[in-house]
Amino acid sequence: MPRDLILFVCEHGAAKSILAAAHFNKMAAERGLKVHAVARGTHPDQELSPKTVEGLERDGLHPTETTPQKLTPAEVESAQRIISFCELPAGYPYQVHMEQWNDIPPVSENYETARDAIIRRINPLLDSK
């Protein structure tokens, strides 16, 4: 796994992490940055949040994953950075820069509000690249 990997992690791997990874990848590509984000869950749902998928489609984007994916120790070890929207499980080798974004509202309540809050957090992250 490349060291240019950014992991976005939420509990179900179906909404916030999916939204963040899709927008992060678009914004990074627009800036010509060689970083790539993926979405993972600590306890993945069976399918992506329909509200998230619909919102991304309205934004002209597609989810990075077709179904929620479980966070793996190998990804944690190889990631450049981990951004979590939930408590991460104990036992993973968190030796990379990790931050929690606890101030993001639920996508299920309002896609646009969640999206805008995530984008506000992504911009400074990309500025530091």
N, C-alpha and C. Protein backbone atom coordinates (compact mmCIF):
# COMPACT_ATOMS: atom_id res chain seq x y z
N MET A 1 0.86 -1.18 0.00
CA MET A 1 0.00 0.00 0.00
C MET A 1 0.90 1.25 0.00
N PRO A 2 0.62 2.22 -0.86
CA PRO A 2 1.48 3.39 -0.97
C PRO A 2 1.38 4.33 0.23
N ARG A 3 2.48 5.03 0.52
CA ARG A 3 2.50 5.98 1.65
C ARG A 3 1.75 7.27 1.35
N ASP A 4 1.20 7.40 0.16
CA ASP A 4 0.41 8.57 -0.16
C ASP A 4 -1.07 8.32 0.14
N LEU A 5 -1.35 7.29 0.92
CA LEU A 5 -2.71 6.89 1.24
C LEU A 5 -3.23 7.66 2.47
N ILE A 6 -4.42 8.22 2.31
CA ILE A 6 -5.13 8.86 3.41
C ILE A 6 -6.35 7.99 3.70
N LEU A 7 -6.51 7.60 4.95
CA LEU A 7 -7.67 6.79 5.36
C LEU A 7 -8.69 7.67 6.05
N PHE A 8 -9.91 7.65 5.55
CA PHE A 8 -11.04 8.27 6.24
C PHE A 8 -11.83 7.12 6.85
N VAL A 9 -12.06 7.19 8.15
CA VAL A 9 -12.69 6.09 8.87
C VAL A 9 -13.92 6.58 9.63
N CYS A 10 -15.04 5.91 9.41
CA CYS A 10 -16.22 6.14 10.24
C CYS A 10 -16.75 4.79 10.69
N GLU A 11 -17.63 4.79 11.64
CA GLU A 11 -18.06 3.52 12.22
C GLU A 11 -18.59 2.55 11.17
N HIS A 12 -19.50 3.02 10.32
CA HIS A 12 -20.16 2.12 9.38
C HIS A 12 -19.53 2.10 8.00
N GLY A 13 -18.59 3.01 7.73
CA GLY A 13 -17.92 3.04 6.43
C GLY A 13 -18.88 3.30 5.28
N ALA A 14 -20.00 3.95 5.59
CA ALA A 14 -21.06 4.07 4.60
C ALA A 14 -21.45 5.51 4.27
N ALA A 15 -21.02 6.48 5.08
CA ALA A 15 -21.50 7.85 4.84
C ALA A 15 -20.36 8.87 4.95
N LYS A 16 -19.97 9.26 6.16
CA LYS A 16 -18.98 10.33 6.32
C LYS A 16 -17.65 10.01 5.66
N SER A 17 -17.15 8.80 5.85
CA SER A 17 -15.86 8.44 5.25
C SER A 17 -15.96 8.39 3.72
N ILE A 18 -17.09 7.91 3.21
CA ILE A 18 -17.31 7.85 1.76
C ILE A 18 -17.37 9.25 1.18
N LEU A 19 -18.11 10.12 1.82
CA LEU A 19 -18.24 11.52 1.41
C LEU A 19 -16.87 12.20 1.43
N ALA A 20 -16.13 12.03 2.51
CA ALA A 20 -14.83 12.68 2.66
C ALA A 20 -13.83 12.18 1.62
N ALA A 21 -13.75 10.88 1.40
CA ALA A 21 -12.79 10.33 0.45
C ALA A 21 -13.07 10.82 -0.97
N ALA A 22 -14.33 10.84 -1.36
CA ALA A 22 -14.68 11.28 -2.72
C ALA A 22 -14.29 12.74 -2.93
N HIS A 23 -14.63 13.60 -1.98
CA HIS A 23 -14.29 15.02 -2.12
C HIS A 23 -12.79 15.26 -1.99
N PHE A 24 -12.13 14.54 -1.08
CA PHE A 24 -10.69 14.68 -0.92
C PHE A 24 -9.99 14.34 -2.24
N ASN A 25 -10.36 13.22 -2.87
CA ASN A 25 -9.71 12.81 -4.11
C ASN A 25 -9.93 13.82 -5.23
N LYS A 26 -11.12 14.35 -5.32
CA LYS A 26 -11.41 15.37 -6.34
C LYS A 26 -10.56 16.62 -6.10
N MET A 27 -10.53 17.09 -4.87
CA MET A 27 -9.80 18.31 -4.54
C MET A 27 -8.29 18.11 -4.68
N ALA A 28 -7.78 16.95 -4.30
CA ALA A 28 -6.35 16.66 -4.45
C ALA A 28 -5.97 16.61 -5.92
N ALA A 29 -6.80 15.99 -6.74
CA ALA A 29 -6.52 15.91 -8.18
C ALA A 29 -6.53 17.30 -8.80
N GLU A 30 -7.46 18.14 -8.39
CA GLU A 30 -7.52 19.51 -8.92
C GLU A 30 -6.25 20.30 -8.59
N ARG A 31 -5.60 19.95 -7.49
CA ARG A 31 -4.36 20.62 -7.08
C ARG A 31 -3.11 19.91 -7.60
N GLY A 32 -3.31 18.80 -8.30
CA GLY A 32 -2.18 18.04 -8.83
C GLY A 32 -1.38 17.31 -7.77
N LEU A 33 -2.01 17.00 -6.64
CA LEU A 33 -1.33 16.31 -5.55
C LEU A 33 -1.36 14.80 -5.74
N LYS A 34 -0.30 14.16 -5.35
CA LYS A 34 -0.16 12.70 -5.49
C LYS A 34 -0.56 11.99 -4.20
N VAL A 35 -1.75 12.26 -3.73
CA VAL A 35 -2.29 11.57 -2.56
C VAL A 35 -3.65 11.01 -2.95
N HIS A 36 -4.02 9.93 -2.28
CA HIS A 36 -5.28 9.25 -2.60
C HIS A 36 -5.95 8.83 -1.30
N ALA A 37 -7.24 9.03 -1.22
CA ALA A 37 -8.00 8.66 -0.02
C ALA A 37 -8.91 7.48 -0.30
N VAL A 38 -9.11 6.68 0.74
CA VAL A 38 -10.10 5.61 0.71
C VAL A 38 -10.95 5.71 1.97
N ALA A 39 -12.12 5.13 1.90
CA ALA A 39 -13.06 5.13 3.02
C ALA A 39 -13.09 3.75 3.66
N ARG A 40 -13.07 3.73 4.98
CA ARG A 40 -13.14 2.47 5.71
C ARG A 40 -14.08 2.61 6.90
N GLY A 41 -14.53 1.48 7.41
CA GLY A 41 -15.40 1.45 8.58
C GLY A 41 -14.83 0.55 9.66
N THR A 42 -15.13 0.88 10.91
CA THR A 42 -14.72 0.01 12.00
C THR A 42 -15.69 -1.16 12.15
N HIS A 43 -16.96 -0.91 11.86
CA HIS A 43 -18.01 -1.94 11.86
C HIS A 43 -18.88 -1.69 10.63
N PRO A 44 -18.39 -2.07 9.44
CA PRO A 44 -19.05 -1.68 8.19
C PRO A 44 -20.48 -2.19 8.04
N ASP A 45 -21.30 -1.31 7.47
CA ASP A 45 -22.65 -1.68 7.08
C ASP A 45 -22.58 -2.60 5.86
N GLN A 46 -23.73 -3.12 5.46
CA GLN A 46 -23.80 -3.99 4.29
C GLN A 46 -23.75 -3.18 2.98
N GLU A 47 -24.23 -1.92 3.04
CA GLU A 47 -24.26 -1.11 1.83
C GLU A 47 -24.00 0.35 2.16
N LEU A 48 -23.67 1.12 1.13
CA LEU A 48 -23.42 2.54 1.30
C LEU A 48 -24.72 3.26 1.63
N SER A 49 -24.60 4.38 2.30
CA SER A 49 -25.76 5.21 2.61
C SER A 49 -26.35 5.77 1.32
N PRO A 50 -27.64 5.49 1.05
CA PRO A 50 -28.26 6.02 -0.17
C PRO A 50 -28.20 7.56 -0.23
N LYS A 51 -28.36 8.23 0.91
CA LYS A 51 -28.28 9.70 0.92
C LYS A 51 -26.90 10.17 0.50
N THR A 52 -25.88 9.46 0.92
CA THR A 52 -24.51 9.83 0.56
C THR A 52 -24.28 9.63 -0.93
N VAL A 53 -24.69 8.49 -1.44
CA VAL A 53 -24.51 8.20 -2.87
C VAL A 53 -25.27 9.22 -3.71
N GLU A 54 -26.52 9.52 -3.34
CA GLU A 54 -27.31 10.50 -4.09
C GLU A 54 -26.67 11.88 -4.04
N GLY A 55 -26.18 12.28 -2.88
CA GLY A 55 -25.53 13.57 -2.74
C GLY A 55 -24.28 13.66 -3.57
N LEU A 56 -23.46 12.62 -3.55
CA LEU A 56 -22.24 12.61 -4.36
C LEU A 56 -22.58 12.70 -5.84
N GLU A 57 -23.60 11.98 -6.26
CA GLU A 57 -24.01 12.04 -7.67
C GLU A 57 -24.44 13.45 -8.05
N ARG A 58 -25.18 14.14 -7.17
CA ARG A 58 -25.57 15.53 -7.43
C ARG A 58 -24.33 16.42 -7.55
N ASP A 59 -23.28 16.07 -6.81
CA ASP A 59 -22.03 16.83 -6.86
C ASP A 59 -21.14 16.41 -8.03
N GLY A 60 -21.58 15.44 -8.82
CA GLY A 60 -20.80 14.97 -9.96
C GLY A 60 -19.68 14.02 -9.56
N LEU A 61 -19.81 13.39 -8.40
CA LEU A 61 -18.79 12.48 -7.89
C LEU A 61 -19.35 11.07 -7.72
N HIS A 62 -18.42 10.13 -7.53
CA HIS A 62 -18.80 8.75 -7.27
C HIS A 62 -18.10 8.28 -6.00
N PRO A 63 -18.71 7.38 -5.25
CA PRO A 63 -18.05 6.85 -4.05
C PRO A 63 -16.75 6.14 -4.41
N THR A 64 -15.79 6.19 -3.51
CA THR A 64 -14.51 5.49 -3.73
C THR A 64 -14.68 3.99 -3.59
N GLU A 65 -15.70 3.56 -2.90
CA GLU A 65 -15.96 2.13 -2.66
C GLU A 65 -17.37 1.81 -3.15
N THR A 66 -17.61 0.56 -3.54
CA THR A 66 -18.96 0.16 -3.94
C THR A 66 -19.75 -0.38 -2.75
N THR A 67 -19.04 -0.89 -1.76
CA THR A 67 -19.65 -1.33 -0.51
C THR A 67 -18.72 -0.91 0.62
N PRO A 68 -19.24 -0.74 1.83
CA PRO A 68 -18.37 -0.39 2.95
C PRO A 68 -17.29 -1.44 3.19
N GLN A 69 -16.08 -0.97 3.46
CA GLN A 69 -14.93 -1.85 3.66
C GLN A 69 -14.41 -1.72 5.08
N LYS A 70 -14.01 -2.83 5.67
CA LYS A 70 -13.48 -2.84 7.03
C LYS A 70 -12.03 -2.34 7.06
N LEU A 71 -11.73 -1.51 8.02
CA LEU A 71 -10.38 -1.02 8.26
C LEU A 71 -9.49 -2.20 8.61
N THR A 72 -8.31 -2.28 7.98
CA THR A 72 -7.39 -3.39 8.25
C THR A 72 -6.10 -2.87 8.89
N PRO A 73 -5.45 -3.70 9.68
CA PRO A 73 -4.16 -3.30 10.27
C PRO A 73 -3.13 -2.93 9.20
N ALA A 74 -3.12 -3.62 8.07
CA ALA A 74 -2.15 -3.33 7.00
C ALA A 74 -2.35 -1.91 6.47
N GLU A 75 -3.59 -1.50 6.31
CA GLU A 75 -3.86 -0.14 5.83
C GLU A 75 -3.42 0.89 6.87
N VAL A 76 -3.70 0.60 8.13
CA VAL A 76 -3.30 1.51 9.21
C VAL A 76 -1.79 1.68 9.21
N GLU A 77 -1.07 0.59 9.05
CA GLU A 77 0.40 0.63 9.07
C GLU A 77 0.97 1.40 7.89
N SER A 78 0.31 1.35 6.75
CA SER A 78 0.87 1.95 5.55
C SER A 78 0.34 3.34 5.22
N ALA A 79 -0.68 3.79 5.93
CA ALA A 79 -1.28 5.10 5.62
C ALA A 79 -0.36 6.25 6.02
N GLN A 80 -0.46 7.31 5.26
CA GLN A 80 0.24 8.55 5.59
C GLN A 80 -0.48 9.28 6.72
N ARG A 81 -1.80 9.19 6.71
CA ARG A 81 -2.61 9.89 7.70
C ARG A 81 -3.94 9.16 7.84
N ILE A 82 -4.48 9.19 9.06
CA ILE A 82 -5.81 8.62 9.33
C ILE A 82 -6.68 9.73 9.87
N ILE A 83 -7.84 9.89 9.27
CA ILE A 83 -8.81 10.85 9.76
C ILE A 83 -10.06 10.06 10.12
N SER A 84 -10.44 10.17 11.39
CA SER A 84 -11.53 9.35 11.90
C SER A 84 -12.71 10.21 12.33
N PHE A 85 -13.88 9.70 12.07
CA PHE A 85 -15.13 10.33 12.50
C PHE A 85 -15.72 9.57 13.68
N CYS A 86 -14.98 8.59 14.21
CA CYS A 86 -15.46 7.75 15.31
C CYS A 86 -14.27 7.32 16.16
N GLU A 87 -14.55 6.64 17.25
CA GLU A 87 -13.48 6.05 18.06
C GLU A 87 -12.89 4.88 17.30
N LEU A 88 -11.59 4.83 17.24
CA LEU A 88 -10.94 3.72 16.55
C LEU A 88 -10.71 2.57 17.53
N PRO A 89 -10.77 1.34 17.03
CA PRO A 89 -10.60 0.19 17.91
C PRO A 89 -9.17 0.10 18.44
N ALA A 90 -9.05 -0.44 19.63
CA ALA A 90 -7.73 -0.68 20.22
C ALA A 90 -7.06 -1.82 19.47
N GLY A 91 -5.75 -1.88 19.57
CA GLY A 91 -5.04 -2.99 18.98
C GLY A 91 -4.46 -2.73 17.61
N TYR A 92 -4.80 -1.59 17.00
CA TYR A 92 -4.20 -1.26 15.71
C TYR A 92 -2.89 -0.50 15.95
N PRO A 93 -1.92 -0.66 15.08
CA PRO A 93 -0.63 0.01 15.24
C PRO A 93 -0.67 1.45 14.73
N TYR A 94 -1.27 2.35 15.50
CA TYR A 94 -1.42 3.74 15.07
C TYR A 94 -0.11 4.49 15.25
N GLN A 95 0.74 4.41 14.23
CA GLN A 95 2.02 5.10 14.30
C GLN A 95 2.10 6.23 13.29
N VAL A 96 1.01 6.55 12.65
CA VAL A 96 0.98 7.63 11.68
C VAL A 96 0.20 8.80 12.28
N HIS A 97 0.23 9.92 11.57
CA HIS A 97 -0.54 11.08 12.05
C HIS A 97 -2.02 10.73 12.00
N MET A 98 -2.69 10.91 13.11
CA MET A 98 -4.11 10.59 13.21
C MET A 98 -4.84 11.77 13.81
N GLU A 99 -6.01 12.06 13.26
CA GLU A 99 -6.84 13.10 13.85
C GLU A 99 -8.30 12.69 13.79
N GLN A 100 -9.07 13.23 14.73
CA GLN A 100 -10.50 12.94 14.77
C GLN A 100 -11.27 14.19 14.42
N TRP A 101 -12.24 14.02 13.55
CA TRP A 101 -13.13 15.11 13.17
C TRP A 101 -14.50 14.81 13.79
N ASN A 102 -14.66 15.19 15.04
CA ASN A 102 -15.89 14.90 15.77
C ASN A 102 -17.00 15.92 15.53
N ASP A 103 -16.69 16.99 14.80
CA ASP A 103 -17.65 18.08 14.65
C ASP A 103 -18.45 18.01 13.34
N ILE A 104 -18.45 16.88 12.69
CA ILE A 104 -19.17 16.73 11.42
C ILE A 104 -20.57 16.20 11.70
N PRO A 105 -21.60 16.94 11.25
CA PRO A 105 -22.98 16.48 11.49
C PRO A 105 -23.30 15.23 10.67
N PRO A 106 -24.32 14.48 11.08
CA PRO A 106 -24.69 13.27 10.36
C PRO A 106 -25.13 13.56 8.92
N VAL A 107 -24.64 12.77 7.99
CA VAL A 107 -25.04 12.90 6.59
C VAL A 107 -26.53 12.61 6.44
N SER A 108 -27.04 11.70 7.27
CA SER A 108 -28.46 11.33 7.18
C SER A 108 -29.39 12.49 7.50
N GLU A 109 -28.91 13.46 8.27
CA GLU A 109 -29.76 14.61 8.62
C GLU A 109 -29.72 15.68 7.53
N ASN A 110 -28.54 15.91 6.94
CA ASN A 110 -28.44 16.93 5.90
C ASN A 110 -27.12 16.73 5.16
N TYR A 111 -27.21 16.21 3.95
CA TYR A 111 -26.02 15.93 3.16
C TYR A 111 -25.17 17.18 2.96
N GLU A 112 -25.81 18.27 2.54
CA GLU A 112 -25.07 19.49 2.22
C GLU A 112 -24.33 20.05 3.43
N THR A 113 -24.95 20.04 4.58
CA THR A 113 -24.30 20.54 5.79
C THR A 113 -23.08 19.69 6.13
N ALA A 114 -23.23 18.37 6.06
CA ALA A 114 -22.11 17.47 6.34
C ALA A 114 -21.01 17.66 5.31
N ARG A 115 -21.40 17.73 4.04
CA ARG A 115 -20.41 17.92 2.97
C ARG A 115 -19.62 19.20 3.18
N ASP A 116 -20.31 20.30 3.44
CA ASP A 116 -19.63 21.58 3.60
C ASP A 116 -18.68 21.57 4.80
N ALA A 117 -19.08 20.92 5.88
CA ALA A 117 -18.21 20.81 7.06
C ALA A 117 -16.97 19.99 6.75
N ILE A 118 -17.13 18.93 5.99
CA ILE A 118 -15.99 18.08 5.61
C ILE A 118 -15.05 18.84 4.67
N ILE A 119 -15.60 19.53 3.69
CA ILE A 119 -14.77 20.29 2.75
C ILE A 119 -13.97 21.37 3.49
N ARG A 120 -14.59 22.01 4.47
CA ARG A 120 -13.87 23.02 5.26
C ARG A 120 -12.67 22.40 5.97
N ARG A 121 -12.78 21.15 6.36
CA ARG A 121 -11.66 20.46 7.03
C ARG A 121 -10.63 19.93 6.02
N ILE A 122 -11.07 19.58 4.82
CA ILE A 122 -10.16 19.05 3.80
C ILE A 122 -9.23 20.14 3.27
N ASN A 123 -9.73 21.34 3.06
CA ASN A 123 -8.91 22.41 2.47
C ASN A 123 -7.59 22.62 3.21
N PRO A 124 -7.60 22.83 4.54
CA PRO A 124 -6.31 23.01 5.23
C PRO A 124 -5.45 21.76 5.19
N LEU A 125 -6.07 20.60 5.16
CA LEU A 125 -5.33 19.34 5.06
C LEU A 125 -4.54 19.31 3.74
N LEU A 126 -5.20 19.68 2.66
CA LEU A 126 -4.53 19.71 1.36
C LEU A 126 -3.51 20.84 1.27
N ASP A 127 -3.78 21.94 1.94
CA ASP A 127 -2.82 23.05 1.95
C ASP A 127 -1.50 22.63 2.57
N SER A 128 -1.55 21.64 3.46
CA SER A 128 -0.33 21.19 4.13
C SER A 128 0.48 20.18 3.32
N LYS A 129 -0.05 19.76 2.18
CA LYS A 129 0.62 18.75 1.33
C LYS A 129 1.70 19.38 0.47
